[in-house]
Protein backbone atom coordinates (compact mmCIF):
# COMPACT_ATOMS: atom_id res chain seq x y z
CA UNK A 1 106.24 108.15 71.52
CA UNK A 2 107.49 105.97 74.34
CA UNK A 3 104.70 103.72 75.51
CA UNK A 4 103.99 100.44 77.26
CA UNK A 5 101.42 97.81 76.38
CA UNK A 6 100.24 95.00 78.63
CA UNK A 7 99.26 91.55 77.46
CA UNK A 8 98.54 88.13 78.86
CA UNK A 9 95.38 88.70 80.84
CA UNK A 10 92.45 86.36 80.73
CA UNK A 11 90.22 84.02 82.66
CA UNK A 12 91.86 81.54 85.03
CA UNK A 13 90.57 79.20 87.72
CA UNK A 14 91.44 79.71 91.38
CA UNK A 15 94.81 78.16 92.08
CA UNK A 16 95.92 78.66 88.52
CA UNK A 17 98.75 80.69 87.06
CA UNK A 18 99.03 83.53 84.62
CA UNK A 19 101.90 85.59 83.27
CA UNK A 20 101.43 89.19 82.26
CA UNK A 21 103.84 91.04 80.02
CA UNK A 22 104.58 94.71 79.60
CA UNK A 23 106.30 95.66 76.37
CA UNK A 24 107.84 99.09 76.04
CA UNK A 25 108.29 100.65 72.64
CA UNK A 26 109.72 103.80 71.15
CA UNK A 27 113.21 105.22 71.31
CA UNK A 28 114.40 103.90 74.66
CA UNK A 29 117.72 103.92 76.42
CA UNK A 30 116.63 101.94 79.46
CA UNK A 31 113.70 101.15 81.68
CA UNK A 32 114.61 102.57 85.05
CA UNK A 33 111.75 100.90 86.87
CA UNK A 34 108.57 99.05 86.19
CA UNK A 35 105.56 98.52 88.39
CA UNK A 36 102.32 96.62 88.20
CA UNK A 37 99.09 97.95 89.62
CA UNK A 38 95.63 96.47 89.69
CA UNK A 39 92.17 97.84 90.12
CA UNK A 40 89.27 95.67 91.17
CA UNK A 41 85.71 96.78 90.44
CA UNK A 42 84.68 99.49 92.88
CA UNK A 43 88.15 99.74 94.41
CA UNK A 44 91.10 102.07 94.14
CA UNK A 45 94.07 101.17 92.02
CA UNK A 46 96.67 99.43 94.19
CA UNK A 47 100.34 98.72 93.77
CA UNK A 48 101.09 95.02 93.28
CA UNK A 49 104.81 94.80 92.57
CA UNK A 50 107.79 96.90 91.53
CA UNK A 51 111.22 96.27 90.07
CA UNK A 52 114.05 98.68 89.34
CA UNK A 53 116.91 98.38 86.90
CA UNK A 54 119.23 97.33 89.70
CA UNK A 55 117.05 94.28 90.28
CA UNK A 56 115.42 95.39 93.49
CA UNK A 57 111.85 94.22 93.93
CA UNK A 58 108.96 94.86 96.25
CA UNK A 59 105.55 93.25 96.55
CA UNK A 60 102.26 94.01 98.14
CA UNK A 61 101.55 91.77 101.11
CA UNK A 62 98.76 90.11 99.16
CA UNK A 63 101.20 89.14 96.41
CA UNK A 64 104.21 88.00 98.42
CA UNK A 65 105.10 84.38 97.86
CA UNK A 66 102.77 84.06 94.88
CA UNK A 67 103.89 86.68 92.37
CA UNK A 68 107.25 87.26 90.71
CA UNK A 69 108.26 90.36 88.80
CA UNK A 70 111.05 90.52 86.25
CA UNK A 71 112.56 92.98 83.82
CA UNK A 72 114.49 92.28 80.63
CA UNK A 73 115.93 95.62 79.63
CA UNK A 74 117.57 94.25 76.49
CA UNK A 75 114.10 93.34 75.25
CA UNK A 76 112.43 96.37 76.84
CA UNK A 77 109.95 93.99 78.38
CA UNK A 78 108.79 93.20 81.89
CA UNK A 79 106.73 90.35 83.24
CA UNK A 80 104.56 89.59 86.22
CA UNK A 81 104.26 85.87 86.93
CA UNK A 82 101.27 85.06 89.08
CA UNK A 83 100.54 81.72 90.70
CA UNK A 84 98.09 80.32 93.23
CA UNK A 85 95.63 82.87 91.99
CA UNK A 86 92.65 83.81 94.11
CA UNK A 87 89.34 85.42 93.19
CA UNK A 88 90.48 88.55 95.00
CA UNK A 89 93.29 88.88 92.46
CA UNK A 90 90.66 89.76 89.88
CA UNK A 91 90.99 93.18 88.34
CA UNK A 92 92.47 95.24 85.57
CA UNK A 93 96.25 95.08 85.75
CA UNK A 94 98.23 98.11 84.62
CA UNK A 95 101.90 98.45 83.82
CA UNK A 96 103.74 101.62 84.76
CA UNK A 97 107.12 102.26 83.18
CA UNK A 98 109.67 104.83 84.28
CA UNK A 99 111.80 105.08 81.19
CA UNK A 100 114.76 107.01 79.85
CA UNK A 101 114.35 107.77 76.17
CA UNK A 102 117.03 107.81 73.52
CA UNK A 103 118.27 111.22 74.57
CA UNK A 104 117.87 110.41 78.28
CA UNK A 105 114.61 112.29 78.57
CA UNK A 106 112.28 111.02 81.27
CA UNK A 107 109.04 109.22 80.55
CA UNK A 108 106.48 108.02 83.08
CA UNK A 109 103.97 106.00 81.09
CA UNK A 110 100.98 103.78 81.74
CA UNK A 111 99.58 100.97 79.68
CA UNK A 112 95.94 100.53 78.81
CA UNK A 113 95.45 97.64 81.22
CA UNK A 114 94.71 93.96 80.81
CA UNK A 115 91.84 92.15 82.50
CA UNK A 116 92.56 89.26 84.86
CA UNK A 117 89.58 87.29 86.07
CA UNK A 118 90.02 84.50 88.61
CA UNK A 119 86.85 82.49 88.78
CA UNK A 120 85.58 78.95 88.62
């Protein structure tokens, strides 16, 4: 099965940095696009950043200037680099992969989430 798994979450102080990774596995031709979402306690899941295989990126206003998204299709891995973290960045971060499998079948998959807590 094609799937994605997030890693890299943890506890960080305000102003600190953290890098999340999203590793895709299975029989994959290419990752067409990858996105990161987050969900804070009591809130809806919100889109944080996206990247497509052409290199185009987009960020939520709250993330602009602080977050960077990248995609290494050779490694089937994406990353979200976060800096100048704020308490309001706290939440469960989810990776969404839009992936072509080995026979070019389409997969839209979600990871299990990784917890990011920004607190002193």
